[in-house]
Amino acid sequence: MTLKLYLLIPFSIFFLKIGNAQNLEYTKNSTNTSSKTFLDRTEFKVSYFGNIFWNNGLVFGTEYLWKEKKKTKNRKRGQRTNTHQLLLNGNLGFTTNFSTKTDTGIFTNYGLTWRRTNKKGKQFSITINPLGYYRSFLPETYEVIGDNVKKVFLPGRGYYAPSISVGIGKQRKDKKITGRFFNVNLMLRTPYNAGALPTISLQYGYRFNFKKKKRNAKNN
């Protein structure tokens, strides 16, 4: 069994346990989302992705609302209602060092997001992506075979790249741009030389939904 499979197994088990446990709880307390269409339940994302100082890029993604529930708690200042969501997500991005071009890559990942939204629209989220792939691209590279020097086509290699992220955000109700978010991401590229390469990146972007639009009764 390869190192990739050893790393994939615990991520997959954790992913499935979260899904099964949360599915029981959300089924009991969930709000009615079955009446929503596919576009109602789907949001798209675009964001900056990088670590500012050397690697920078963009990420395009989508989120699908799987489960949703509302929790109401009694406080001294009154009731407080939070919305909890489970979302399936997928992303496609690229990152590069624009000055040296020594670390350019494209990546894709898929997983599960838990998000909590309070009555003021402030959000906190945790995302686990057990399925991820990163393809690096090196600058102009040549290989020597005997007396021949040959240019390498698309030099670089691929990695299994699971990731996890923690983020905050702000919801914008009934608007096409439905929210903004800021995440801190940890991606693990493996096998990298004799081990693995952890990479921490920042992500700032916006979510939007094509069907949602703010309506003002005065203008109807």
N, C-alpha and C. Protein backbone atom coordinates (compact mmCIF):
# COMPACT_ATOMS: atom_id res chain seq x y z
N MET A 1 0.84 -1.20 0.00
CA MET A 1 0.00 0.00 0.00
C MET A 1 0.88 1.25 0.00
N THR A 2 0.58 2.18 -0.88
CA THR A 2 1.41 3.36 -1.00
C THR A 2 1.13 4.35 0.11
N LEU A 3 2.03 5.32 0.25
CA LEU A 3 1.86 6.36 1.27
C LEU A 3 0.58 7.15 1.03
N LYS A 4 0.21 7.36 -0.25
CA LYS A 4 -1.01 8.10 -0.55
C LYS A 4 -2.23 7.41 0.05
N LEU A 5 -2.29 6.06 -0.08
CA LEU A 5 -3.44 5.34 0.45
C LEU A 5 -3.47 5.36 1.97
N TYR A 6 -2.30 5.25 2.61
CA TYR A 6 -2.23 5.33 4.07
C TYR A 6 -2.79 6.66 4.57
N LEU A 7 -2.49 7.76 3.86
CA LEU A 7 -2.96 9.07 4.28
C LEU A 7 -4.43 9.29 3.93
N LEU A 8 -4.87 8.66 2.84
CA LEU A 8 -6.25 8.85 2.42
C LEU A 8 -7.23 8.16 3.36
N ILE A 9 -6.85 6.98 3.90
CA ILE A 9 -7.77 6.20 4.73
C ILE A 9 -8.28 6.96 5.95
N PRO A 10 -7.39 7.56 6.81
CA PRO A 10 -7.92 8.28 7.98
C PRO A 10 -8.77 9.48 7.62
N PHE A 11 -8.40 10.18 6.54
CA PHE A 11 -9.21 11.32 6.11
C PHE A 11 -10.60 10.84 5.69
N SER A 12 -10.64 9.73 4.93
CA SER A 12 -11.92 9.23 4.43
C SER A 12 -12.80 8.73 5.57
N ILE A 13 -12.21 8.01 6.55
CA ILE A 13 -12.98 7.52 7.69
C ILE A 13 -13.56 8.68 8.49
N PHE A 14 -12.72 9.70 8.75
CA PHE A 14 -13.18 10.87 9.49
C PHE A 14 -14.31 11.58 8.74
N PHE A 15 -14.16 11.68 7.43
CA PHE A 15 -15.15 12.33 6.58
C PHE A 15 -16.49 11.59 6.65
N LEU A 16 -16.45 10.23 6.56
CA LEU A 16 -17.66 9.44 6.59
C LEU A 16 -18.33 9.48 7.96
N LYS A 17 -17.52 9.46 9.05
CA LYS A 17 -18.09 9.52 10.40
C LYS A 17 -18.82 10.83 10.62
N ILE A 18 -18.22 11.94 10.16
CA ILE A 18 -18.89 13.24 10.31
C ILE A 18 -20.21 13.22 9.55
N GLY A 19 -20.16 12.69 8.33
CA GLY A 19 -21.37 12.66 7.52
C GLY A 19 -22.47 11.84 8.15
N ASN A 20 -22.16 10.64 8.67
CA ASN A 20 -23.17 9.77 9.26
C ASN A 20 -23.73 10.36 10.54
N ALA A 21 -22.83 10.89 11.42
CA ALA A 21 -23.28 11.45 12.70
C ALA A 21 -24.14 12.69 12.48
N GLN A 22 -23.66 13.56 11.62
CA GLN A 22 -24.39 14.79 11.38
C GLN A 22 -25.70 14.53 10.66
N ASN A 23 -25.74 13.51 9.80
CA ASN A 23 -26.95 13.21 9.05
C ASN A 23 -28.10 12.85 9.99
N LEU A 24 -27.81 12.08 11.08
CA LEU A 24 -28.84 11.72 12.04
C LEU A 24 -29.38 12.95 12.75
N GLU A 25 -28.46 13.82 13.18
CA GLU A 25 -28.88 15.01 13.93
C GLU A 25 -29.61 15.99 13.04
N TYR A 26 -29.12 16.18 11.84
CA TYR A 26 -29.70 17.16 10.95
C TYR A 26 -31.05 16.70 10.43
N THR A 27 -31.23 15.39 10.29
CA THR A 27 -32.52 14.88 9.85
C THR A 27 -33.60 15.17 10.88
N LYS A 28 -33.22 15.09 12.16
CA LYS A 28 -34.16 15.31 13.25
C LYS A 28 -34.52 16.78 13.39
N ASN A 29 -33.57 17.66 13.20
CA ASN A 29 -33.79 19.08 13.50
C ASN A 29 -33.67 19.99 12.29
N SER A 30 -33.58 19.43 11.11
CA SER A 30 -33.29 20.24 9.93
C SER A 30 -34.49 21.06 9.50
N THR A 31 -34.21 22.19 8.84
CA THR A 31 -35.26 22.98 8.23
C THR A 31 -35.59 22.36 6.88
N ASN A 32 -36.67 22.79 6.28
CA ASN A 32 -37.10 22.21 5.01
C ASN A 32 -36.30 22.79 3.86
N THR A 33 -35.38 21.98 3.33
CA THR A 33 -34.60 22.44 2.18
C THR A 33 -34.96 21.66 0.92
N SER A 34 -35.88 20.67 1.06
CA SER A 34 -36.22 19.84 -0.09
C SER A 34 -36.94 20.62 -1.17
N SER A 35 -37.61 21.73 -0.81
CA SER A 35 -38.34 22.51 -1.79
C SER A 35 -37.42 23.42 -2.60
N LYS A 36 -36.17 23.56 -2.18
CA LYS A 36 -35.24 24.42 -2.89
C LYS A 36 -34.73 23.73 -4.14
N THR A 37 -34.55 24.50 -5.21
CA THR A 37 -34.01 23.95 -6.44
C THR A 37 -32.50 23.80 -6.32
N PHE A 38 -31.91 23.17 -7.33
CA PHE A 38 -30.46 22.97 -7.32
C PHE A 38 -29.73 24.31 -7.26
N LEU A 39 -30.18 25.31 -8.04
CA LEU A 39 -29.52 26.62 -8.03
C LEU A 39 -29.74 27.35 -6.73
N ASP A 40 -30.89 27.13 -6.08
CA ASP A 40 -31.13 27.74 -4.77
C ASP A 40 -30.11 27.23 -3.74
N ARG A 41 -29.76 25.95 -3.85
CA ARG A 41 -28.88 25.33 -2.87
C ARG A 41 -27.41 25.44 -3.23
N THR A 42 -27.11 26.01 -4.39
CA THR A 42 -25.73 26.06 -4.87
C THR A 42 -25.20 27.48 -4.91
N GLU A 43 -24.02 27.69 -4.34
CA GLU A 43 -23.34 28.97 -4.41
C GLU A 43 -21.97 28.78 -5.05
N PHE A 44 -21.53 29.81 -5.75
CA PHE A 44 -20.23 29.78 -6.41
C PHE A 44 -19.28 30.73 -5.69
N LYS A 45 -17.98 30.45 -5.80
CA LYS A 45 -16.99 31.23 -5.07
C LYS A 45 -15.85 31.63 -5.99
N VAL A 46 -15.30 32.79 -5.73
CA VAL A 46 -14.04 33.21 -6.35
C VAL A 46 -13.22 33.91 -5.27
N SER A 47 -11.92 33.61 -5.23
CA SER A 47 -11.14 34.14 -4.12
C SER A 47 -9.66 34.24 -4.47
N TYR A 48 -8.99 35.15 -3.78
CA TYR A 48 -7.53 35.21 -3.78
C TYR A 48 -7.01 34.05 -2.94
N PHE A 49 -5.87 33.46 -3.37
CA PHE A 49 -5.30 32.34 -2.63
C PHE A 49 -3.78 32.46 -2.67
N GLY A 50 -3.15 32.49 -1.51
CA GLY A 50 -1.69 32.58 -1.48
C GLY A 50 -1.19 32.95 -0.10
N ASN A 51 0.08 33.30 -0.04
CA ASN A 51 0.66 33.73 1.23
C ASN A 51 1.29 35.12 1.11
N ILE A 52 0.83 35.89 0.13
CA ILE A 52 1.13 37.30 -0.06
C ILE A 52 2.59 37.56 -0.45
N PHE A 53 3.54 36.99 0.30
CA PHE A 53 4.93 37.37 0.12
C PHE A 53 5.58 36.72 -1.10
N TRP A 54 5.22 35.43 -1.39
CA TRP A 54 5.86 34.83 -2.56
C TRP A 54 4.89 34.11 -3.49
N ASN A 55 3.97 33.32 -2.99
CA ASN A 55 3.04 32.62 -3.87
C ASN A 55 1.66 33.24 -3.81
N ASN A 56 1.07 33.48 -4.98
CA ASN A 56 -0.24 34.09 -5.07
C ASN A 56 -1.02 33.46 -6.22
N GLY A 57 -2.34 33.42 -6.10
CA GLY A 57 -3.15 32.84 -7.15
C GLY A 57 -4.62 33.06 -6.92
N LEU A 58 -5.45 32.30 -7.62
CA LEU A 58 -6.91 32.41 -7.55
C LEU A 58 -7.51 31.02 -7.37
N VAL A 59 -8.69 31.00 -6.73
CA VAL A 59 -9.44 29.75 -6.57
C VAL A 59 -10.88 30.00 -7.01
N PHE A 60 -11.41 29.07 -7.79
CA PHE A 60 -12.81 29.09 -8.19
C PHE A 60 -13.47 27.84 -7.61
N GLY A 61 -14.65 28.02 -7.00
CA GLY A 61 -15.25 26.86 -6.36
C GLY A 61 -16.76 26.94 -6.32
N THR A 62 -17.34 25.89 -5.76
CA THR A 62 -18.79 25.83 -5.61
C THR A 62 -19.12 25.12 -4.31
N GLU A 63 -20.28 25.45 -3.73
CA GLU A 63 -20.78 24.83 -2.50
C GLU A 63 -22.23 24.41 -2.71
N TYR A 64 -22.55 23.22 -2.26
CA TYR A 64 -23.92 22.72 -2.37
C TYR A 64 -24.47 22.46 -0.97
N LEU A 65 -25.59 23.09 -0.65
CA LEU A 65 -26.20 22.95 0.67
C LEU A 65 -26.81 21.56 0.82
N TRP A 66 -26.22 20.76 1.71
CA TRP A 66 -26.68 19.39 1.94
C TRP A 66 -27.68 19.34 3.08
N LYS A 67 -27.33 19.90 4.23
CA LYS A 67 -28.20 19.88 5.40
C LYS A 67 -28.17 21.25 6.07
N GLU A 68 -29.29 21.61 6.69
CA GLU A 68 -29.36 22.89 7.39
C GLU A 68 -30.31 22.77 8.57
N LYS A 69 -29.94 23.40 9.68
CA LYS A 69 -30.84 23.44 10.84
C LYS A 69 -30.62 24.74 11.60
N LYS A 70 -31.62 25.11 12.39
CA LYS A 70 -31.54 26.32 13.20
C LYS A 70 -31.60 25.92 14.68
N LYS A 71 -30.71 26.50 15.47
CA LYS A 71 -30.70 26.26 16.91
C LYS A 71 -31.04 27.56 17.64
N THR A 72 -32.00 27.48 18.54
CA THR A 72 -32.39 28.66 19.32
C THR A 72 -32.08 28.43 20.78
N LYS A 73 -31.36 29.38 21.39
CA LYS A 73 -30.99 29.29 22.80
C LYS A 73 -31.49 30.53 23.54
N ASN A 74 -31.93 30.33 24.76
CA ASN A 74 -32.39 31.44 25.58
C ASN A 74 -31.22 32.07 26.32
N ARG A 75 -31.07 33.39 26.16
CA ARG A 75 -30.04 34.15 26.85
C ARG A 75 -30.68 35.24 27.69
N LYS A 76 -29.86 35.89 28.53
CA LYS A 76 -30.38 36.95 29.38
C LYS A 76 -30.95 38.10 28.55
N ARG A 77 -30.35 38.34 27.39
CA ARG A 77 -30.82 39.43 26.52
C ARG A 77 -31.87 38.97 25.52
N GLY A 78 -32.35 37.73 25.67
CA GLY A 78 -33.35 37.22 24.75
C GLY A 78 -32.86 35.97 24.04
N GLN A 79 -33.64 35.54 23.09
CA GLN A 79 -33.29 34.35 22.35
C GLN A 79 -32.21 34.62 21.30
N ARG A 80 -31.37 33.61 21.10
CA ARG A 80 -30.33 33.71 20.07
C ARG A 80 -30.46 32.51 19.15
N THR A 81 -30.59 32.77 17.86
CA THR A 81 -30.76 31.71 16.87
C THR A 81 -29.56 31.67 15.93
N ASN A 82 -28.96 30.51 15.84
CA ASN A 82 -27.85 30.28 14.92
C ASN A 82 -28.26 29.25 13.88
N THR A 83 -27.79 29.43 12.67
CA THR A 83 -28.04 28.48 11.58
C THR A 83 -26.79 27.65 11.35
N HIS A 84 -26.96 26.34 11.33
CA HIS A 84 -25.84 25.42 11.09
C HIS A 84 -26.06 24.73 9.75
N GLN A 85 -25.02 24.70 8.93
CA GLN A 85 -25.12 24.10 7.61
C GLN A 85 -24.00 23.09 7.38
N LEU A 86 -24.32 22.05 6.62
CA LEU A 86 -23.33 21.14 6.06
C LEU A 86 -23.36 21.31 4.56
N LEU A 87 -22.20 21.57 3.96
CA LEU A 87 -22.13 21.84 2.54
C LEU A 87 -21.08 20.95 1.88
N LEU A 88 -21.41 20.45 0.70
CA LEU A 88 -20.43 19.75 -0.12
C LEU A 88 -19.72 20.78 -0.97
N ASN A 89 -18.39 20.72 -1.05
CA ASN A 89 -17.68 21.76 -1.78
C ASN A 89 -16.62 21.17 -2.70
N GLY A 90 -16.32 21.93 -3.74
CA GLY A 90 -15.26 21.58 -4.67
C GLY A 90 -14.55 22.83 -5.15
N ASN A 91 -13.25 22.74 -5.40
CA ASN A 91 -12.46 23.90 -5.77
C ASN A 91 -11.46 23.57 -6.86
N LEU A 92 -11.15 24.58 -7.67
CA LEU A 92 -10.10 24.49 -8.67
C LEU A 92 -9.30 25.78 -8.60
N GLY A 93 -7.98 25.68 -8.42
CA GLY A 93 -7.17 26.89 -8.27
C GLY A 93 -5.79 26.76 -8.84
N PHE A 94 -5.11 27.88 -8.84
CA PHE A 94 -3.71 27.90 -9.26
C PHE A 94 -2.94 28.87 -8.39
N THR A 95 -1.66 28.65 -8.27
CA THR A 95 -0.79 29.54 -7.50
C THR A 95 0.57 29.58 -8.15
N THR A 96 1.25 30.73 -8.06
CA THR A 96 2.55 30.86 -8.68
C THR A 96 3.37 31.94 -7.99
N ASN A 97 4.68 31.85 -8.13
CA ASN A 97 5.58 32.91 -7.72
C ASN A 97 5.87 33.73 -8.96
N PHE A 98 5.26 34.91 -9.06
CA PHE A 98 5.34 35.69 -10.29
C PHE A 98 6.76 36.19 -10.59
N SER A 99 7.60 36.28 -9.58
CA SER A 99 8.95 36.79 -9.80
C SER A 99 9.93 35.71 -10.25
N THR A 100 9.86 34.53 -9.62
CA THR A 100 10.84 33.48 -9.94
C THR A 100 10.27 32.33 -10.76
N LYS A 101 8.94 32.15 -10.74
CA LYS A 101 8.27 31.05 -11.45
C LYS A 101 8.74 29.68 -10.97
N THR A 102 9.30 29.60 -9.78
CA THR A 102 9.86 28.34 -9.31
C THR A 102 8.83 27.44 -8.63
N ASP A 103 7.70 27.95 -8.26
CA ASP A 103 6.70 27.13 -7.59
C ASP A 103 5.32 27.47 -8.14
N THR A 104 5.05 26.97 -9.32
CA THR A 104 3.76 27.18 -9.97
C THR A 104 2.99 25.88 -9.97
N GLY A 105 1.71 25.94 -9.67
CA GLY A 105 0.93 24.72 -9.64
C GLY A 105 -0.55 24.97 -9.79
N ILE A 106 -1.26 23.93 -10.18
CA ILE A 106 -2.72 23.95 -10.18
C ILE A 106 -3.19 22.86 -9.23
N PHE A 107 -4.35 23.04 -8.61
CA PHE A 107 -4.84 22.06 -7.66
C PHE A 107 -6.37 22.00 -7.68
N THR A 108 -6.87 20.89 -7.22
CA THR A 108 -8.31 20.72 -7.06
C THR A 108 -8.55 19.91 -5.79
N ASN A 109 -9.63 20.20 -5.08
CA ASN A 109 -9.95 19.44 -3.88
C ASN A 109 -11.46 19.42 -3.65
N TYR A 110 -11.89 18.41 -2.87
CA TYR A 110 -13.32 18.17 -2.65
C TYR A 110 -13.52 17.69 -1.22
N GLY A 111 -14.60 18.16 -0.60
CA GLY A 111 -14.83 17.75 0.78
C GLY A 111 -16.10 18.31 1.36
N LEU A 112 -16.08 18.50 2.68
CA LEU A 112 -17.26 18.87 3.46
C LEU A 112 -16.98 20.12 4.28
N THR A 113 -17.94 21.04 4.30
CA THR A 113 -17.83 22.28 5.09
C THR A 113 -18.95 22.33 6.12
N TRP A 114 -18.59 22.62 7.37
CA TRP A 114 -19.57 22.95 8.40
C TRP A 114 -19.50 24.46 8.63
N ARG A 115 -20.68 25.11 8.60
CA ARG A 115 -20.71 26.57 8.76
C ARG A 115 -21.81 26.97 9.72
N ARG A 116 -21.47 27.91 10.63
CA ARG A 116 -22.44 28.46 11.57
C ARG A 116 -22.63 29.94 11.27
N THR A 117 -23.90 30.37 11.22
CA THR A 117 -24.22 31.77 10.95
C THR A 117 -25.11 32.29 12.07
N ASN A 118 -24.73 33.42 12.69
CA ASN A 118 -25.58 33.98 13.75
C ASN A 118 -26.59 34.96 13.16
N LYS A 119 -27.42 35.55 14.02
CA LYS A 119 -28.50 36.40 13.54
C LYS A 119 -28.01 37.68 12.88
N LYS A 120 -26.75 38.06 13.15
CA LYS A 120 -26.18 39.25 12.51
C LYS A 120 -25.48 38.91 11.19
N GLY A 121 -25.48 37.65 10.83
CA GLY A 121 -24.88 37.24 9.58
C GLY A 121 -23.40 36.91 9.67
N LYS A 122 -22.84 36.94 10.88
CA LYS A 122 -21.43 36.59 11.03
C LYS A 122 -21.28 35.07 10.98
N GLN A 123 -20.24 34.61 10.29
CA GLN A 123 -20.09 33.18 10.04
C GLN A 123 -18.74 32.64 10.51
N PHE A 124 -18.77 31.37 10.90
CA PHE A 124 -17.55 30.63 11.23
C PHE A 124 -17.65 29.28 10.56
N SER A 125 -16.55 28.81 9.96
CA SER A 125 -16.62 27.56 9.20
C SER A 125 -15.35 26.74 9.37
N ILE A 126 -15.52 25.43 9.19
CA ILE A 126 -14.42 24.48 9.15
C ILE A 126 -14.63 23.59 7.93
N THR A 127 -13.58 23.44 7.13
CA THR A 127 -13.66 22.63 5.92
C THR A 127 -12.61 21.54 5.94
N ILE A 128 -13.01 20.32 5.60
CA ILE A 128 -12.09 19.21 5.46
C ILE A 128 -12.19 18.68 4.04
N ASN A 129 -11.08 18.67 3.33
CA ASN A 129 -11.03 18.17 1.96
C ASN A 129 -10.12 16.94 1.90
N PRO A 130 -10.67 15.74 2.08
CA PRO A 130 -9.82 14.55 2.04
C PRO A 130 -9.38 14.18 0.63
N LEU A 131 -10.09 14.68 -0.37
CA LEU A 131 -9.74 14.40 -1.75
C LEU A 131 -9.09 15.63 -2.36
N GLY A 132 -7.82 15.53 -2.70
CA GLY A 132 -7.11 16.68 -3.27
C GLY A 132 -5.97 16.24 -4.16
N TYR A 133 -5.70 17.04 -5.18
CA TYR A 133 -4.61 16.75 -6.11
C TYR A 133 -3.92 18.07 -6.46
N TYR A 134 -2.58 18.05 -6.44
CA TYR A 134 -1.78 19.23 -6.78
C TYR A 134 -0.78 18.84 -7.87
N ARG A 135 -0.72 19.63 -8.93
CA ARG A 135 0.25 19.40 -10.02
C ARG A 135 1.17 20.60 -10.10
N SER A 136 2.46 20.34 -9.84
CA SER A 136 3.46 21.41 -9.89
C SER A 136 4.04 21.52 -11.30
N PHE A 137 4.50 22.72 -11.64
CA PHE A 137 5.15 22.98 -12.91
C PHE A 137 6.46 23.70 -12.66
N LEU A 138 7.54 23.17 -13.20
CA LEU A 138 8.87 23.75 -13.02
C LEU A 138 9.22 24.67 -14.19
N PRO A 139 10.19 25.57 -13.99
CA PRO A 139 10.65 26.40 -15.11
C PRO A 139 11.27 25.54 -16.20
N GLU A 140 11.76 26.16 -17.23
CA GLU A 140 12.35 25.44 -18.36
C GLU A 140 13.39 24.43 -17.87
N THR A 141 13.18 23.16 -18.23
CA THR A 141 13.99 22.07 -17.71
C THR A 141 14.48 21.18 -18.85
N TYR A 142 15.72 20.70 -18.71
CA TYR A 142 16.29 19.81 -19.72
C TYR A 142 16.76 18.53 -19.05
N GLU A 143 16.77 17.44 -19.82
CA GLU A 143 17.32 16.18 -19.35
C GLU A 143 18.40 15.69 -20.30
N VAL A 144 19.39 15.04 -19.73
CA VAL A 144 20.52 14.55 -20.51
C VAL A 144 20.44 13.03 -20.59
N ILE A 145 20.36 12.52 -21.80
CA ILE A 145 20.33 11.09 -22.04
C ILE A 145 21.51 10.74 -22.95
N GLY A 146 22.57 10.18 -22.38
CA GLY A 146 23.78 9.92 -23.15
C GLY A 146 24.41 11.22 -23.59
N ASP A 147 24.54 11.38 -24.89
CA ASP A 147 25.10 12.62 -25.45
C ASP A 147 24.02 13.59 -25.88
N ASN A 148 22.78 13.24 -25.65
CA ASN A 148 21.67 14.09 -26.10
C ASN A 148 21.10 14.92 -24.95
N VAL A 149 20.83 16.17 -25.24
CA VAL A 149 20.17 17.08 -24.29
C VAL A 149 18.77 17.37 -24.83
N LYS A 150 17.78 17.05 -24.03
CA LYS A 150 16.40 17.17 -24.50
C LYS A 150 15.58 18.02 -23.54
N LYS A 151 14.78 18.91 -24.11
CA LYS A 151 13.91 19.76 -23.30
C LYS A 151 12.73 18.94 -22.78
N VAL A 152 12.43 19.07 -21.49
CA VAL A 152 11.34 18.32 -20.87
C VAL A 152 10.02 19.05 -21.11
N PHE A 153 9.03 18.30 -21.59
CA PHE A 153 7.71 18.88 -21.82
C PHE A 153 6.91 18.90 -20.51
N LEU A 154 6.44 20.07 -20.13
CA LEU A 154 5.68 20.28 -18.89
C LEU A 154 6.36 19.63 -17.69
N PRO A 155 7.55 20.10 -17.34
CA PRO A 155 8.26 19.51 -16.19
C PRO A 155 7.52 19.76 -14.88
N GLY A 156 7.61 18.81 -13.97
CA GLY A 156 6.93 18.90 -12.69
C GLY A 156 6.38 17.54 -12.32
N ARG A 157 5.51 17.50 -11.32
CA ARG A 157 4.93 16.23 -10.89
C ARG A 157 3.64 16.45 -10.13
N GLY A 158 2.91 15.38 -9.90
CA GLY A 158 1.65 15.46 -9.18
C GLY A 158 1.76 14.95 -7.75
N TYR A 159 0.88 15.44 -6.88
CA TYR A 159 0.88 15.06 -5.47
C TYR A 159 -0.55 14.81 -5.01
N TYR A 160 -0.70 13.87 -4.10
CA TYR A 160 -1.93 13.77 -3.32
C TYR A 160 -1.91 14.93 -2.34
N ALA A 161 -3.00 15.72 -2.29
CA ALA A 161 -2.97 16.97 -1.52
C ALA A 161 -4.26 17.20 -0.74
N PRO A 162 -4.47 16.49 0.38
CA PRO A 162 -5.61 16.79 1.25
C PRO A 162 -5.41 18.13 1.95
N SER A 163 -6.50 18.72 2.40
CA SER A 163 -6.38 20.04 3.04
C SER A 163 -7.47 20.23 4.08
N ILE A 164 -7.23 21.20 4.95
CA ILE A 164 -8.20 21.61 5.97
C ILE A 164 -8.12 23.12 6.09
N SER A 165 -9.26 23.75 6.38
CA SER A 165 -9.26 25.21 6.52
C SER A 165 -10.24 25.65 7.59
N VAL A 166 -9.93 26.78 8.20
CA VAL A 166 -10.78 27.41 9.21
C VAL A 166 -11.02 28.84 8.75
N GLY A 167 -12.26 29.30 8.83
CA GLY A 167 -12.54 30.63 8.28
C GLY A 167 -13.65 31.38 8.99
N ILE A 168 -13.71 32.67 8.70
CA ILE A 168 -14.78 33.55 9.16
C ILE A 168 -15.37 34.24 7.94
N GLY A 169 -16.56 34.81 8.11
CA GLY A 169 -17.18 35.48 6.98
C GLY A 169 -18.38 36.30 7.40
N LYS A 170 -19.06 36.84 6.38
CA LYS A 170 -20.23 37.68 6.60
C LYS A 170 -21.26 37.37 5.53
N GLN A 171 -22.47 37.06 5.97
CA GLN A 171 -23.54 36.73 5.05
C GLN A 171 -24.25 37.99 4.56
N ARG A 172 -24.66 37.99 3.29
CA ARG A 172 -25.46 39.08 2.71
C ARG A 172 -26.74 38.46 2.18
N LYS A 173 -27.84 38.63 2.90
CA LYS A 173 -29.08 37.97 2.55
C LYS A 173 -29.74 38.60 1.32
N ASP A 174 -30.37 37.73 0.52
CA ASP A 174 -31.19 38.14 -0.62
C ASP A 174 -30.43 38.98 -1.63
N LYS A 175 -29.13 38.71 -1.78
CA LYS A 175 -28.33 39.39 -2.78
C LYS A 175 -27.58 38.36 -3.61
N LYS A 176 -27.24 38.75 -4.83
CA LYS A 176 -26.51 37.81 -5.68
C LYS A 176 -25.12 37.52 -5.11
N ILE A 177 -24.45 38.55 -4.59
CA ILE A 177 -23.21 38.31 -3.85
C ILE A 177 -23.62 38.01 -2.42
N THR A 178 -23.65 36.72 -2.08
CA THR A 178 -24.29 36.28 -0.84
C THR A 178 -23.39 36.36 0.38
N GLY A 179 -22.11 36.61 0.20
CA GLY A 179 -21.24 36.71 1.36
C GLY A 179 -19.77 36.86 0.99
N ARG A 180 -18.99 37.20 1.99
CA ARG A 180 -17.54 37.26 1.83
C ARG A 180 -16.91 36.39 2.91
N PHE A 181 -15.67 35.95 2.68
CA PHE A 181 -15.05 35.03 3.63
C PHE A 181 -13.54 35.19 3.64
N PHE A 182 -12.96 34.79 4.76
CA PHE A 182 -11.50 34.78 4.93
C PHE A 182 -11.13 33.46 5.59
N ASN A 183 -10.29 32.67 4.92
CA ASN A 183 -9.90 31.36 5.43
C ASN A 183 -8.39 31.25 5.59
N VAL A 184 -7.99 30.42 6.54
CA VAL A 184 -6.60 30.00 6.66
C VAL A 184 -6.56 28.51 6.30
N ASN A 185 -5.74 28.17 5.29
CA ASN A 185 -5.73 26.81 4.75
C ASN A 185 -4.40 26.11 5.03
N LEU A 186 -4.50 24.83 5.30
CA LEU A 186 -3.33 23.97 5.42
C LEU A 186 -3.45 22.85 4.41
N MET A 187 -2.52 22.81 3.45
CA MET A 187 -2.49 21.76 2.43
C MET A 187 -1.25 20.90 2.63
N LEU A 188 -1.43 19.59 2.48
CA LEU A 188 -0.32 18.66 2.66
C LEU A 188 -0.04 17.97 1.33
N ARG A 189 1.13 18.25 0.75
CA ARG A 189 1.51 17.61 -0.51
C ARG A 189 2.39 16.40 -0.22
N THR A 190 2.00 15.26 -0.76
CA THR A 190 2.74 14.03 -0.48
C THR A 190 2.60 13.04 -1.64
N PRO A 191 3.62 12.19 -1.89
CA PRO A 191 4.93 12.21 -1.23
C PRO A 191 5.80 13.33 -1.79
N TYR A 192 6.48 14.04 -0.92
CA TYR A 192 7.36 15.13 -1.30
C TYR A 192 8.76 14.77 -0.81
N ASN A 193 9.67 14.48 -1.74
CA ASN A 193 10.98 13.93 -1.41
C ASN A 193 10.77 12.66 -0.55
N ALA A 194 11.26 12.66 0.68
CA ALA A 194 11.10 11.48 1.52
C ALA A 194 9.91 11.59 2.47
N GLY A 195 9.17 12.69 2.39
CA GLY A 195 8.07 12.87 3.33
C GLY A 195 6.91 13.64 2.72
N ALA A 196 6.47 14.68 3.43
CA ALA A 196 5.34 15.49 2.99
C ALA A 196 5.68 16.97 3.16
N LEU A 197 5.03 17.81 2.36
CA LEU A 197 5.26 19.25 2.41
C LEU A 197 3.99 19.97 2.83
N PRO A 198 3.93 20.49 4.07
CA PRO A 198 2.77 21.28 4.49
C PRO A 198 2.89 22.71 3.96
N THR A 199 1.77 23.25 3.50
CA THR A 199 1.75 24.61 2.97
C THR A 199 0.58 25.36 3.59
N ILE A 200 0.85 26.51 4.20
CA ILE A 200 -0.19 27.36 4.78
C ILE A 200 -0.46 28.53 3.84
N SER A 201 -1.73 28.74 3.53
CA SER A 201 -2.12 29.82 2.61
C SER A 201 -3.33 30.57 3.17
N LEU A 202 -3.46 31.81 2.74
CA LEU A 202 -4.60 32.65 3.09
C LEU A 202 -5.55 32.71 1.91
N GLN A 203 -6.83 32.86 2.21
CA GLN A 203 -7.83 32.90 1.15
C GLN A 203 -8.88 33.95 1.50
N TYR A 204 -9.12 34.87 0.56
CA TYR A 204 -10.14 35.89 0.76
C TYR A 204 -10.98 35.99 -0.50
N GLY A 205 -12.30 35.91 -0.35
CA GLY A 205 -13.12 35.96 -1.54
C GLY A 205 -14.59 36.19 -1.26
N TYR A 206 -15.40 35.95 -2.30
CA TYR A 206 -16.83 36.21 -2.26
C TYR A 206 -17.60 35.00 -2.78
N ARG A 207 -18.79 34.80 -2.22
CA ARG A 207 -19.72 33.80 -2.71
C ARG A 207 -20.86 34.49 -3.42
N PHE A 208 -21.44 33.82 -4.41
CA PHE A 208 -22.58 34.41 -5.10
C PHE A 208 -23.53 33.33 -5.60
N ASN A 209 -24.78 33.72 -5.78
CA ASN A 209 -25.83 32.83 -6.24
C ASN A 209 -26.60 33.55 -7.34
N PHE A 210 -26.74 32.90 -8.49
CA PHE A 210 -27.36 33.55 -9.64
C PHE A 210 -28.84 33.84 -9.44
N LYS A 211 -29.51 33.09 -8.55
CA LYS A 211 -30.95 33.25 -8.41
C LYS A 211 -31.34 34.22 -7.31
N LYS A 212 -30.40 34.54 -6.41
CA LYS A 212 -30.73 35.40 -5.28
C LYS A 212 -30.53 36.86 -5.65
N LYS A 213 -31.52 37.67 -5.36
CA LYS A 213 -31.44 39.10 -5.67
C LYS A 213 -32.25 39.87 -4.67
N LYS A 214 -31.68 40.95 -4.16
CA LYS A 214 -32.36 41.77 -3.16
C LYS A 214 -33.55 42.46 -3.80
N ARG A 215 -34.71 42.39 -3.11
CA ARG A 215 -35.92 43.01 -3.61
C ARG A 215 -36.45 43.99 -2.59
N ASN A 216 -36.80 45.13 -3.04
CA ASN A 216 -37.34 46.16 -2.18
C ASN A 216 -38.79 46.38 -2.54
N ALA A 217 -39.68 46.24 -1.57
CA ALA A 217 -41.11 46.34 -1.86
C ALA A 217 -41.47 47.68 -2.45
N LYS A 218 -40.74 48.75 -2.12
CA LYS A 218 -41.06 50.07 -2.64
C LYS A 218 -40.84 50.14 -4.14
N ASN A 219 -39.97 49.29 -4.66
CA ASN A 219 -39.65 49.35 -6.08
C ASN A 219 -40.49 48.37 -6.90
N ASN A 220 -41.35 47.57 -6.25
CA ASN A 220 -42.17 46.58 -6.97
C ASN A 220 -43.45 47.23 -7.49
